[in-house]
Amino acid sequence: MAQFDAYENPSAAQREAFPYFVVLQSDQLDHYSTRLAMPLARTPASAANMPRRLSQAVTVRGERLFLAPHLVAALPRAVLRRPVGSLRGDAAALIDALDAVVSGV
């Protein structure tokens, strides 16, 4: 399970709005049973009112999705089945979005 890999949302009830999660947790912490993950949203939460750092877009399986760093959560490793892609190329945007939540925009 690599950092910045994307996985299908394990919750069928939430999959329409948030189809995927991206793992943010460092590979050095693989021994933990959870993964820090950020949901990816189909529509940005009030994008017009959100700072750019909190509403950046990425692409997973050809679909444009929006980061939801304010909803980052620890998920059990077992619910993240097979990666559907990697967002390693978007690492700077992912880290910037998380930093905006922690440090302020």
Protein backbone atom coordinates (compact mmCIF):
# COMPACT_ATOMS: atom_id res chain seq x y z
CA MET A 1 0.00 0.00 0.00
CA ALA A 2 1.93 3.00 -1.28
CA GLN A 3 1.63 6.64 -0.33
CA PHE A 4 -0.52 8.56 -2.83
CA ASP A 5 -2.28 5.45 -4.15
CA ALA A 6 -6.01 5.94 -4.79
CA TYR A 7 -8.64 3.43 -3.68
CA GLU A 8 -12.34 3.05 -4.26
CA ASN A 9 -14.38 4.37 -1.35
CA PRO A 10 -15.31 1.33 0.77
CA SER A 11 -18.63 2.94 1.75
CA ALA A 12 -21.24 2.29 -0.94
CA ALA A 13 -23.50 4.91 0.68
CA GLN A 14 -20.88 7.66 0.22
CA ARG A 15 -19.34 6.50 -3.06
CA GLU A 16 -21.54 8.69 -5.26
CA ALA A 17 -20.22 11.91 -3.69
CA PHE A 18 -16.74 10.63 -2.75
CA PRO A 19 -15.79 7.83 -5.15
CA TYR A 20 -12.15 7.48 -4.03
CA PHE A 21 -9.71 8.00 -1.20
CA VAL A 22 -6.02 8.77 -1.62
CA VAL A 23 -3.57 7.49 1.00
CA LEU A 24 -1.45 10.30 2.44
CA GLN A 25 0.37 8.30 5.08
CA SER A 26 4.10 7.77 4.62
CA ASP A 27 5.22 4.32 3.53
CA GLN A 28 7.48 4.32 6.60
CA LEU A 29 4.36 3.82 8.74
CA ASP A 30 3.17 0.68 6.92
CA HIS A 31 3.19 -1.34 10.15
CA TYR A 32 0.11 0.52 11.45
CA SER A 33 -3.32 -0.99 10.85
CA THR A 34 -4.78 2.31 9.64
CA ARG A 35 -4.02 4.69 6.78
CA LEU A 36 -4.45 8.46 6.79
CA ALA A 37 -6.57 9.06 3.70
CA MET A 38 -8.20 12.01 1.95
CA PRO A 39 -11.53 11.63 0.17
CA LEU A 40 -11.84 12.85 -3.40
CA ALA A 41 -15.13 14.57 -4.20
CA ARG A 42 -17.08 14.66 -7.45
CA THR A 43 -18.07 18.27 -6.80
CA PRO A 44 -16.08 20.77 -4.76
CA ALA A 45 -17.57 21.92 -1.48
CA SER A 46 -18.54 25.52 -2.24
CA ALA A 47 -15.60 25.96 -4.60
CA ALA A 48 -16.43 29.62 -5.14
CA ASN A 49 -16.01 30.25 -1.42
CA MET A 50 -13.11 27.88 -0.83
CA PRO A 51 -9.47 28.94 -0.98
CA ARG A 52 -7.66 27.47 -3.98
CA ARG A 53 -5.52 25.23 -1.75
CA LEU A 54 -8.65 23.47 -0.49
CA SER A 55 -10.36 22.95 -3.84
CA GLN A 56 -7.66 21.62 -6.16
CA ALA A 57 -8.56 19.04 -8.78
CA VAL A 58 -6.95 15.69 -9.61
CA THR A 59 -7.84 12.97 -12.12
CA VAL A 60 -8.58 9.34 -11.25
CA ARG A 61 -9.62 6.92 -14.01
CA GLY A 62 -10.27 9.83 -16.34
CA GLU A 63 -12.63 11.59 -13.92
CA ARG A 64 -11.88 15.06 -12.57
CA LEU A 65 -12.24 15.04 -8.78
CA PHE A 66 -11.66 17.58 -6.05
CA LEU A 67 -9.57 17.25 -2.93
CA ALA A 68 -11.43 17.25 0.39
CA PRO A 69 -8.57 17.80 2.85
CA HIS A 70 -10.90 18.95 5.63
CA LEU A 71 -12.37 15.40 5.65
CA VAL A 72 -9.10 13.48 6.06
CA ALA A 73 -9.57 10.39 8.23
CA ALA A 74 -7.80 7.29 9.45
CA LEU A 75 -9.23 4.28 7.65
CA PRO A 76 -8.59 0.63 8.50
CA ARG A 77 -6.02 -0.73 6.05
CA ALA A 78 -8.27 -3.75 5.45
CA VAL A 79 -11.05 -1.68 3.82
CA LEU A 80 -8.72 -0.32 1.14
CA ARG A 81 -8.68 -3.21 -1.31
CA ARG A 82 -6.79 -2.69 -4.58
CA PRO A 83 -5.35 0.62 -5.75
CA VAL A 84 -7.06 2.07 -8.81
CA GLY A 85 -4.21 4.42 -9.60
CA SER A 86 -1.50 6.62 -8.19
CA LEU A 87 -1.58 10.35 -7.52
CA ARG A 88 2.16 10.56 -6.88
CA GLY A 89 2.35 13.18 -9.63
CA ASP A 90 -0.07 15.31 -7.59
CA ALA A 91 1.86 14.88 -4.33
CA ALA A 92 2.64 18.60 -4.01
CA ALA A 93 -1.05 19.55 -4.34
CA LEU A 94 -2.10 16.86 -1.85
CA ILE A 95 0.46 17.95 0.73
CA ASP A 96 -0.36 21.62 0.14
CA ALA A 97 -4.07 20.95 0.73
CA LEU A 98 -3.38 19.07 3.95
CA ASP A 99 -0.99 21.81 5.08
CA ALA A 100 -3.72 24.40 4.47
CA VAL A 101 -5.98 22.51 6.89
CA VAL A 102 -3.26 22.20 9.54
CA SER A 103 -1.51 25.57 9.15
CA GLY A 104 -4.31 27.71 7.79
CA VAL A 105 -4.94 29.07 4.36
